[in-house]
């Protein structure tokens, strides 16, 4: 909904968060890489707030954001369970986390043998495995869905939007 606050954890160069901001969400992007954030800031829009930070220790009070997203970023975080706990902590209403699927065609193309290109070093999970990251956390309702990332990306962004 327009005016809702949104945090994108591991926003990188801002590809997804720009779409959310264009839909009227009050967006904040967090990433550990200041160079990526500098690039993201150039791409705009200017209303997005950019923060250098660590997904394992989000610099926000509890329940700070109406919605939180993280698209294929936690797969590169050393302690995914801690990052998930932080996302749950700062979320007021809903969150959506996209992991890299070990049973996908993309894994066969880019993930095997330690990964290639942008996927080098990423951890890939089977859909049921991600449920373990939520063990012991206070989450009212949890669902696991699969999605296909298309090169244009617009469909993925819209799918994430619907989940939120």
N, C-alpha and C. Protein backbone atom coordinates (compact mmCIF):
# COMPACT_ATOMS: atom_id res chain seq x y z
N UNK A 1 0.83 -1.19 0.00
CA UNK A 1 0.00 0.00 0.00
C UNK A 1 0.87 1.25 0.00
N UNK A 2 0.44 2.23 -0.74
CA UNK A 2 1.16 3.50 -0.78
C UNK A 2 1.35 4.03 0.63
N UNK A 3 2.54 4.52 0.89
CA UNK A 3 2.83 5.09 2.20
C UNK A 3 3.36 4.11 3.22
N UNK A 4 3.27 2.81 2.94
CA UNK A 4 3.86 1.81 3.83
C UNK A 4 5.38 1.94 3.79
N UNK A 5 6.01 1.60 4.91
CA UNK A 5 7.47 1.59 4.94
C UNK A 5 7.98 0.22 4.52
N UNK A 6 9.08 0.21 3.77
CA UNK A 6 9.65 -1.03 3.27
C UNK A 6 11.16 -0.99 3.43
N UNK A 7 11.73 -2.08 3.91
CA UNK A 7 13.17 -2.26 3.98
C UNK A 7 13.57 -3.38 3.03
N UNK A 8 14.58 -3.12 2.20
CA UNK A 8 15.15 -4.14 1.32
C UNK A 8 16.52 -4.49 1.88
N UNK A 9 16.64 -5.68 2.47
CA UNK A 9 17.89 -6.14 3.09
C UNK A 9 18.75 -6.79 2.02
N UNK A 10 19.94 -6.24 1.82
CA UNK A 10 20.82 -6.73 0.76
C UNK A 10 20.37 -6.21 -0.58
N UNK A 11 20.06 -4.93 -0.64
CA UNK A 11 19.46 -4.33 -1.84
C UNK A 11 20.43 -4.22 -3.02
N UNK A 12 21.72 -4.39 -2.76
CA UNK A 12 22.69 -4.32 -3.86
C UNK A 12 22.62 -3.00 -4.60
N UNK A 13 22.49 -3.09 -5.91
CA UNK A 13 22.45 -1.88 -6.74
C UNK A 13 21.05 -1.29 -6.85
N UNK A 14 20.10 -1.82 -6.10
CA UNK A 14 18.78 -1.20 -5.99
C UNK A 14 17.76 -1.61 -7.02
N UNK A 15 17.99 -2.69 -7.73
CA UNK A 15 17.09 -3.09 -8.81
C UNK A 15 15.65 -3.27 -8.33
N UNK A 16 15.46 -4.03 -7.25
CA UNK A 16 14.10 -4.29 -6.76
C UNK A 16 13.51 -3.10 -6.01
N UNK A 17 14.30 -2.46 -5.19
CA UNK A 17 13.76 -1.40 -4.34
C UNK A 17 13.27 -0.22 -5.16
N UNK A 18 13.88 0.04 -6.30
CA UNK A 18 13.39 1.13 -7.16
C UNK A 18 11.95 0.87 -7.57
N UNK A 19 11.65 -0.36 -7.88
CA UNK A 19 10.28 -0.73 -8.28
C UNK A 19 9.29 -0.48 -7.14
N UNK A 20 9.67 -0.86 -5.93
CA UNK A 20 8.80 -0.65 -4.78
C UNK A 20 8.59 0.84 -4.52
N UNK A 21 9.63 1.63 -4.63
CA UNK A 21 9.52 3.08 -4.41
C UNK A 21 8.61 3.72 -5.45
N UNK A 22 8.71 3.24 -6.69
CA UNK A 22 7.85 3.78 -7.75
C UNK A 22 6.37 3.50 -7.49
N UNK A 23 6.09 2.47 -6.70
CA UNK A 23 4.71 2.13 -6.35
C UNK A 23 4.22 2.90 -5.12
N UNK A 24 5.04 3.80 -4.60
CA UNK A 24 4.62 4.66 -3.50
C UNK A 24 5.00 4.19 -2.12
N UNK A 25 5.84 3.16 -2.02
CA UNK A 25 6.30 2.72 -0.70
C UNK A 25 7.44 3.62 -0.24
N UNK A 26 7.53 3.86 1.06
CA UNK A 26 8.62 4.64 1.64
C UNK A 26 9.77 3.68 1.88
N UNK A 27 10.72 3.66 0.96
CA UNK A 27 11.70 2.59 0.87
C UNK A 27 13.05 2.95 1.48
N UNK A 28 13.63 1.94 2.15
CA UNK A 28 14.99 2.02 2.68
C UNK A 28 15.74 0.81 2.16
N UNK A 29 16.91 1.05 1.59
CA UNK A 29 17.76 -0.03 1.11
C UNK A 29 18.98 -0.18 1.99
N UNK A 30 19.28 -1.41 2.38
CA UNK A 30 20.45 -1.69 3.22
C UNK A 30 21.33 -2.71 2.52
N UNK A 31 22.64 -2.43 2.49
CA UNK A 31 23.59 -3.35 1.88
C UNK A 31 24.95 -3.11 2.52
N UNK A 32 25.79 -4.15 2.64
CA UNK A 32 27.12 -3.94 3.22
C UNK A 32 28.11 -3.29 2.26
N UNK A 33 27.79 -3.24 0.98
CA UNK A 33 28.73 -2.75 -0.02
C UNK A 33 28.45 -1.28 -0.38
N UNK A 34 29.29 -0.35 0.11
CA UNK A 34 29.03 1.07 -0.17
C UNK A 34 29.13 1.42 -1.65
N UNK A 35 29.92 0.68 -2.41
CA UNK A 35 30.03 0.96 -3.86
C UNK A 35 28.71 0.64 -4.57
N UNK A 36 28.08 -0.46 -4.20
CA UNK A 36 26.80 -0.80 -4.80
C UNK A 36 25.74 0.23 -4.43
N UNK A 37 25.77 0.67 -3.18
CA UNK A 37 24.79 1.68 -2.75
C UNK A 37 25.01 3.01 -3.47
N UNK A 38 26.27 3.36 -3.72
CA UNK A 38 26.55 4.60 -4.46
C UNK A 38 25.96 4.51 -5.86
N UNK A 39 26.11 3.35 -6.49
CA UNK A 39 25.52 3.14 -7.81
C UNK A 39 24.00 3.21 -7.73
N UNK A 40 23.43 2.57 -6.71
CA UNK A 40 21.97 2.56 -6.53
C UNK A 40 21.44 3.98 -6.35
N UNK A 41 22.16 4.78 -5.60
CA UNK A 41 21.72 6.15 -5.34
C UNK A 41 21.70 6.98 -6.63
N UNK A 42 22.66 6.75 -7.50
CA UNK A 42 22.70 7.46 -8.78
C UNK A 42 21.48 7.09 -9.62
N UNK A 43 21.09 5.81 -9.58
CA UNK A 43 19.94 5.34 -10.36
C UNK A 43 18.62 5.86 -9.81
N UNK A 44 18.61 6.28 -8.52
CA UNK A 44 17.42 6.88 -7.92
C UNK A 44 16.31 5.89 -7.65
N UNK A 45 15.12 6.37 -7.37
CA UNK A 45 14.72 7.77 -7.20
C UNK A 45 15.25 8.36 -5.90
N UNK A 46 15.28 9.68 -5.80
CA UNK A 46 15.91 10.32 -4.65
C UNK A 46 15.22 10.07 -3.31
N UNK A 47 13.98 9.64 -3.31
CA UNK A 47 13.26 9.43 -2.05
C UNK A 47 13.73 8.19 -1.29
N UNK A 48 14.45 7.30 -1.94
CA UNK A 48 14.92 6.08 -1.26
C UNK A 48 16.05 6.45 -0.29
N UNK A 49 15.98 5.89 0.91
CA UNK A 49 17.04 6.07 1.91
C UNK A 49 18.00 4.89 1.78
N UNK A 50 19.30 5.16 1.68
CA UNK A 50 20.31 4.12 1.49
C UNK A 50 21.18 4.03 2.74
N UNK A 51 21.39 2.81 3.24
CA UNK A 51 22.15 2.62 4.46
C UNK A 51 23.15 1.48 4.28
N UNK A 52 24.41 1.75 4.63
CA UNK A 52 25.42 0.70 4.67
C UNK A 52 25.21 -0.05 5.98
N UNK A 53 25.02 -1.37 5.88
CA UNK A 53 24.76 -2.13 7.10
C UNK A 53 24.83 -3.62 6.88
N UNK A 54 24.76 -4.34 7.98
CA UNK A 54 24.90 -5.79 8.02
C UNK A 54 23.54 -6.42 8.31
N UNK A 55 23.13 -7.38 7.50
CA UNK A 55 21.84 -8.06 7.69
C UNK A 55 21.76 -8.78 9.03
N UNK A 56 22.90 -9.11 9.62
CA UNK A 56 22.92 -9.84 10.89
C UNK A 56 22.72 -8.92 12.10
N UNK A 57 22.80 -7.61 11.88
CA UNK A 57 22.63 -6.64 12.97
C UNK A 57 21.99 -5.38 12.38
N UNK A 58 20.72 -5.47 12.06
CA UNK A 58 20.03 -4.35 11.41
C UNK A 58 19.95 -3.15 12.36
N UNK A 59 20.34 -1.97 11.89
CA UNK A 59 20.42 -0.78 12.76
C UNK A 59 19.08 -0.06 12.92
N UNK A 60 18.04 -0.81 13.25
CA UNK A 60 16.70 -0.25 13.38
C UNK A 60 16.03 -0.83 14.62
N UNK A 61 15.12 -0.07 15.23
CA UNK A 61 14.36 -0.60 16.38
C UNK A 61 13.41 -1.73 15.94
N UNK A 62 12.94 -2.49 16.90
CA UNK A 62 11.96 -3.55 16.64
C UNK A 62 10.74 -2.97 15.91
N UNK A 63 10.20 -3.76 15.00
CA UNK A 63 8.96 -3.44 14.28
C UNK A 63 9.01 -2.07 13.59
N UNK A 64 10.13 -1.77 12.96
CA UNK A 64 10.34 -0.47 12.31
C UNK A 64 9.69 -0.34 10.94
N UNK A 65 9.47 -1.47 10.25
CA UNK A 65 9.01 -1.41 8.86
C UNK A 65 7.73 -2.23 8.69
N UNK A 66 6.80 -1.67 7.90
CA UNK A 66 5.59 -2.42 7.58
C UNK A 66 5.93 -3.70 6.82
N UNK A 67 6.88 -3.58 5.93
CA UNK A 67 7.25 -4.71 5.06
C UNK A 67 8.76 -4.77 4.92
N UNK A 68 9.28 -6.00 4.84
CA UNK A 68 10.71 -6.20 4.63
C UNK A 68 10.87 -7.24 3.53
N UNK A 69 11.78 -6.97 2.61
CA UNK A 69 12.10 -7.93 1.56
C UNK A 69 13.60 -8.17 1.54
N UNK A 70 13.97 -9.32 1.04
CA UNK A 70 15.37 -9.64 0.78
C UNK A 70 15.38 -10.63 -0.37
N UNK A 71 15.93 -10.23 -1.48
CA UNK A 71 15.88 -11.05 -2.70
C UNK A 71 17.27 -11.62 -2.99
N UNK A 72 17.44 -12.92 -2.75
CA UNK A 72 18.68 -13.65 -3.05
C UNK A 72 19.90 -13.00 -2.43
N UNK A 73 19.74 -12.34 -1.29
CA UNK A 73 20.88 -11.70 -0.63
C UNK A 73 21.37 -12.52 0.56
N UNK A 74 20.45 -13.15 1.29
CA UNK A 74 20.86 -13.87 2.49
C UNK A 74 21.73 -15.07 2.16
N UNK A 75 21.69 -15.53 0.92
CA UNK A 75 22.52 -16.65 0.48
C UNK A 75 24.00 -16.31 0.54
N UNK A 76 24.31 -15.03 0.69
CA UNK A 76 25.70 -14.57 0.76
C UNK A 76 26.08 -14.12 2.17
N UNK A 77 25.13 -14.16 3.10
CA UNK A 77 25.37 -13.74 4.48
C UNK A 77 25.91 -14.93 5.26
N UNK A 78 26.95 -14.70 6.04
CA UNK A 78 27.61 -15.79 6.76
C UNK A 78 26.66 -16.54 7.71
N UNK A 79 25.81 -15.84 8.42
CA UNK A 79 24.89 -16.47 9.37
C UNK A 79 23.45 -16.14 8.94
N UNK A 80 22.91 -16.97 8.06
CA UNK A 80 21.56 -16.72 7.53
C UNK A 80 20.50 -16.73 8.63
N UNK A 81 20.65 -17.61 9.60
CA UNK A 81 19.67 -17.70 10.68
C UNK A 81 19.60 -16.38 11.46
N UNK A 82 20.74 -15.78 11.74
CA UNK A 82 20.76 -14.49 12.46
C UNK A 82 20.13 -13.40 11.60
N UNK A 83 20.41 -13.41 10.30
CA UNK A 83 19.82 -12.41 9.40
C UNK A 83 18.29 -12.56 9.36
N UNK A 84 17.80 -13.79 9.33
CA UNK A 84 16.35 -14.02 9.34
C UNK A 84 15.75 -13.50 10.65
N UNK A 85 16.41 -13.78 11.77
CA UNK A 85 15.92 -13.30 13.07
C UNK A 85 15.84 -11.77 13.08
N UNK A 86 16.81 -11.11 12.48
CA UNK A 86 16.80 -9.65 12.41
C UNK A 86 15.66 -9.14 11.53
N UNK A 87 15.42 -9.81 10.42
CA UNK A 87 14.31 -9.42 9.54
C UNK A 87 12.98 -9.54 10.28
N UNK A 88 12.79 -10.66 10.97
CA UNK A 88 11.56 -10.85 11.74
C UNK A 88 11.44 -9.76 12.81
N UNK A 89 12.55 -9.43 13.46
CA UNK A 89 12.53 -8.42 14.54
C UNK A 89 12.08 -7.05 14.05
N UNK A 90 12.55 -6.62 12.88
CA UNK A 90 12.25 -5.25 12.43
C UNK A 90 10.96 -5.15 11.61
N UNK A 91 10.32 -6.30 11.34
CA UNK A 91 9.09 -6.31 10.53
C UNK A 91 7.87 -6.08 11.41
N UNK A 92 7.04 -5.14 10.98
CA UNK A 92 5.78 -4.86 11.68
C UNK A 92 4.64 -5.73 11.13
N UNK A 93 4.61 -5.94 9.80
CA UNK A 93 3.47 -6.65 9.21
C UNK A 93 3.88 -7.89 8.41
N UNK A 94 4.61 -7.70 7.34
CA UNK A 94 4.93 -8.84 6.45
C UNK A 94 6.36 -8.76 5.95
N UNK A 95 6.90 -9.94 5.67
CA UNK A 95 8.22 -10.01 5.03
C UNK A 95 8.19 -11.06 3.94
N UNK A 96 9.10 -10.91 2.99
CA UNK A 96 9.30 -11.91 1.93
C UNK A 96 10.80 -12.03 1.71
N UNK A 97 11.27 -13.27 1.77
CA UNK A 97 12.69 -13.54 1.57
C UNK A 97 12.83 -14.49 0.40
N UNK A 98 13.67 -14.12 -0.55
CA UNK A 98 13.93 -14.98 -1.69
C UNK A 98 15.29 -15.65 -1.55
N UNK A 99 15.29 -16.97 -1.51
CA UNK A 99 16.53 -17.74 -1.46
C UNK A 99 16.78 -18.36 -2.82
N UNK A 100 18.02 -18.77 -3.05
CA UNK A 100 18.37 -19.48 -4.27
C UNK A 100 18.01 -20.95 -4.09
N UNK A 101 17.26 -21.50 -5.03
CA UNK A 101 16.69 -22.84 -4.93
C UNK A 101 17.64 -23.88 -5.52
N UNK A 102 18.06 -24.81 -4.66
CA UNK A 102 19.00 -25.85 -5.07
C UNK A 102 18.38 -26.83 -6.07
N UNK A 103 17.08 -26.88 -6.18
CA UNK A 103 16.43 -27.81 -7.11
C UNK A 103 16.05 -27.13 -8.43
N UNK A 104 16.53 -25.91 -8.64
CA UNK A 104 16.13 -25.14 -9.82
C UNK A 104 17.07 -25.35 -11.01
N UNK A 105 16.57 -24.98 -12.16
CA UNK A 105 17.39 -24.98 -13.37
C UNK A 105 18.54 -23.98 -13.22
N UNK A 106 18.29 -22.87 -12.56
CA UNK A 106 19.34 -21.87 -12.35
C UNK A 106 20.51 -22.47 -11.58
N UNK A 107 20.22 -23.32 -10.58
CA UNK A 107 21.30 -23.97 -9.83
C UNK A 107 22.14 -24.83 -10.77
N UNK A 108 21.49 -25.57 -11.64
CA UNK A 108 22.23 -26.41 -12.59
C UNK A 108 23.11 -25.58 -13.51
N UNK A 109 22.63 -24.38 -13.85
CA UNK A 109 23.39 -23.53 -14.76
C UNK A 109 24.46 -22.71 -14.06
N UNK A 110 24.16 -22.19 -12.87
CA UNK A 110 25.05 -21.22 -12.23
C UNK A 110 25.57 -21.60 -10.84
N UNK A 111 24.96 -22.60 -10.20
CA UNK A 111 25.28 -22.86 -8.81
C UNK A 111 26.24 -23.99 -8.53
N UNK A 112 26.33 -24.94 -9.40
CA UNK A 112 27.17 -26.12 -9.16
C UNK A 112 28.64 -25.73 -9.03
N UNK A 113 29.35 -26.54 -8.24
CA UNK A 113 30.79 -26.35 -8.12
C UNK A 113 31.20 -25.02 -7.49
N UNK A 114 30.39 -24.51 -6.58
CA UNK A 114 30.73 -23.26 -5.91
C UNK A 114 30.16 -22.03 -6.57
N UNK A 115 29.50 -22.22 -7.70
CA UNK A 115 28.84 -21.10 -8.37
C UNK A 115 29.72 -20.39 -9.36
N UNK A 116 29.07 -19.67 -10.25
CA UNK A 116 29.80 -18.89 -11.24
C UNK A 116 29.21 -17.50 -11.35
N UNK A 117 30.02 -16.57 -11.79
CA UNK A 117 29.57 -15.19 -11.97
C UNK A 117 29.05 -14.61 -10.66
N UNK A 118 27.90 -13.97 -10.72
CA UNK A 118 27.31 -13.33 -9.54
C UNK A 118 26.93 -14.35 -8.47
N UNK A 119 26.87 -15.62 -8.81
CA UNK A 119 26.45 -16.66 -7.86
C UNK A 119 27.63 -17.35 -7.17
N UNK A 120 28.85 -16.92 -7.46
CA UNK A 120 30.02 -17.54 -6.83
C UNK A 120 29.94 -17.35 -5.31
N UNK A 121 30.04 -18.46 -4.59
CA UNK A 121 30.03 -18.42 -3.13
C UNK A 121 28.65 -18.42 -2.50
N UNK A 122 27.61 -18.40 -3.30
CA UNK A 122 26.24 -18.39 -2.75
C UNK A 122 25.89 -19.77 -2.19
N UNK A 123 25.05 -19.77 -1.17
CA UNK A 123 24.50 -21.01 -0.64
C UNK A 123 23.11 -21.21 -1.24
N UNK A 124 22.84 -22.41 -1.71
CA UNK A 124 21.57 -22.75 -2.35
C UNK A 124 20.84 -23.72 -1.42
N UNK A 125 19.54 -23.57 -1.29
CA UNK A 125 18.75 -24.40 -0.38
C UNK A 125 17.58 -25.05 -1.11
N UNK A 126 17.19 -26.21 -0.61
CA UNK A 126 15.93 -26.81 -1.05
C UNK A 126 14.81 -26.04 -0.35
N UNK A 127 13.65 -25.91 -0.99
CA UNK A 127 12.57 -25.10 -0.40
C UNK A 127 12.23 -25.45 1.04
N UNK A 128 12.17 -26.72 1.39
CA UNK A 128 11.80 -27.11 2.76
C UNK A 128 12.89 -26.73 3.77
N UNK A 129 14.14 -26.65 3.34
CA UNK A 129 15.24 -26.33 4.25
C UNK A 129 15.13 -24.93 4.85
N UNK A 130 14.56 -24.00 4.12
CA UNK A 130 14.51 -22.63 4.62
C UNK A 130 13.63 -22.51 5.86
N UNK A 131 12.73 -23.44 6.06
CA UNK A 131 11.87 -23.40 7.26
C UNK A 131 12.69 -23.47 8.54
N UNK A 132 13.83 -24.18 8.49
CA UNK A 132 14.68 -24.30 9.68
C UNK A 132 15.19 -22.94 10.17
N UNK A 133 15.35 -21.99 9.27
CA UNK A 133 15.84 -20.66 9.67
C UNK A 133 14.85 -19.94 10.59
N UNK A 134 13.60 -20.37 10.59
CA UNK A 134 12.56 -19.70 11.38
C UNK A 134 12.27 -20.41 12.70
N UNK A 135 12.97 -21.51 12.96
CA UNK A 135 12.77 -22.27 14.18
C UNK A 135 13.01 -21.38 15.41
N UNK A 136 12.02 -21.35 16.31
CA UNK A 136 12.14 -20.57 17.53
C UNK A 136 11.78 -19.10 17.40
N UNK A 137 11.47 -18.65 16.19
CA UNK A 137 11.10 -17.24 15.99
C UNK A 137 9.59 -17.08 16.07
N UNK A 138 9.15 -15.93 16.50
CA UNK A 138 7.71 -15.65 16.60
C UNK A 138 7.20 -15.17 15.25
N UNK A 139 6.74 -16.12 14.47
CA UNK A 139 6.17 -15.82 13.15
C UNK A 139 4.77 -16.41 13.14
N UNK A 140 3.80 -15.58 12.87
CA UNK A 140 2.40 -16.02 12.92
C UNK A 140 2.06 -16.98 11.79
N UNK A 141 2.47 -16.66 10.59
CA UNK A 141 2.15 -17.51 9.43
C UNK A 141 3.35 -17.52 8.50
N UNK A 142 3.71 -18.70 8.03
CA UNK A 142 4.88 -18.84 7.18
C UNK A 142 4.53 -19.75 6.01
N UNK A 143 4.90 -19.33 4.82
CA UNK A 143 4.65 -20.14 3.62
C UNK A 143 5.90 -20.12 2.76
N UNK A 144 6.15 -21.23 2.09
CA UNK A 144 7.28 -21.33 1.17
C UNK A 144 6.71 -21.47 -0.23
N UNK A 145 7.16 -20.61 -1.13
CA UNK A 145 6.74 -20.63 -2.52
C UNK A 145 7.97 -20.69 -3.41
N UNK A 146 7.80 -21.19 -4.60
CA UNK A 146 8.88 -21.16 -5.59
C UNK A 146 8.51 -20.16 -6.68
N UNK A 147 9.52 -19.56 -7.25
CA UNK A 147 9.31 -18.60 -8.34
C UNK A 147 10.39 -18.83 -9.38
N UNK A 148 10.10 -18.43 -10.57
CA UNK A 148 11.07 -18.51 -11.65
C UNK A 148 11.53 -17.10 -11.95
N UNK A 149 12.82 -16.89 -11.92
CA UNK A 149 13.36 -15.57 -12.23
C UNK A 149 13.52 -15.46 -13.74
N UNK A 150 12.81 -14.52 -14.31
CA UNK A 150 12.90 -14.28 -15.74
C UNK A 150 13.87 -13.14 -16.00
N UNK A 151 14.60 -13.17 -17.12
CA UNK A 151 15.60 -12.13 -17.37
C UNK A 151 15.09 -10.71 -17.22
N UNK A 152 13.86 -10.44 -17.62
CA UNK A 152 13.35 -9.08 -17.51
C UNK A 152 13.15 -8.68 -16.06
N UNK A 153 12.87 -9.65 -15.19
CA UNK A 153 12.73 -9.40 -13.77
C UNK A 153 11.42 -8.78 -13.33
N UNK A 154 10.69 -8.15 -14.21
CA UNK A 154 9.46 -7.47 -13.79
C UNK A 154 8.46 -8.42 -13.15
N UNK A 155 8.35 -9.61 -13.64
CA UNK A 155 7.40 -10.58 -13.07
C UNK A 155 7.81 -10.98 -11.66
N UNK A 156 9.11 -11.12 -11.42
CA UNK A 156 9.56 -11.49 -10.08
C UNK A 156 9.23 -10.36 -9.10
N UNK A 157 9.51 -9.13 -9.49
CA UNK A 157 9.20 -8.00 -8.61
C UNK A 157 7.72 -7.95 -8.31
N UNK A 158 6.90 -8.18 -9.30
CA UNK A 158 5.45 -8.16 -9.08
C UNK A 158 5.01 -9.32 -8.19
N UNK A 159 5.64 -10.48 -8.33
CA UNK A 159 5.31 -11.62 -7.48
C UNK A 159 5.67 -11.31 -6.02
N UNK A 160 6.84 -10.71 -5.80
CA UNK A 160 7.23 -10.32 -4.45
C UNK A 160 6.24 -9.30 -3.89
N UNK A 161 5.82 -8.39 -4.73
CA UNK A 161 4.85 -7.37 -4.34
C UNK A 161 3.56 -8.01 -3.85
N UNK A 162 3.08 -9.01 -4.57
CA UNK A 162 1.83 -9.68 -4.19
C UNK A 162 1.98 -10.41 -2.86
N UNK A 163 3.16 -10.98 -2.61
CA UNK A 163 3.39 -11.67 -1.34
C UNK A 163 3.36 -10.71 -0.17
N UNK A 164 3.76 -9.49 -0.42
CA UNK A 164 3.79 -8.50 0.65
C UNK A 164 2.43 -7.90 0.83
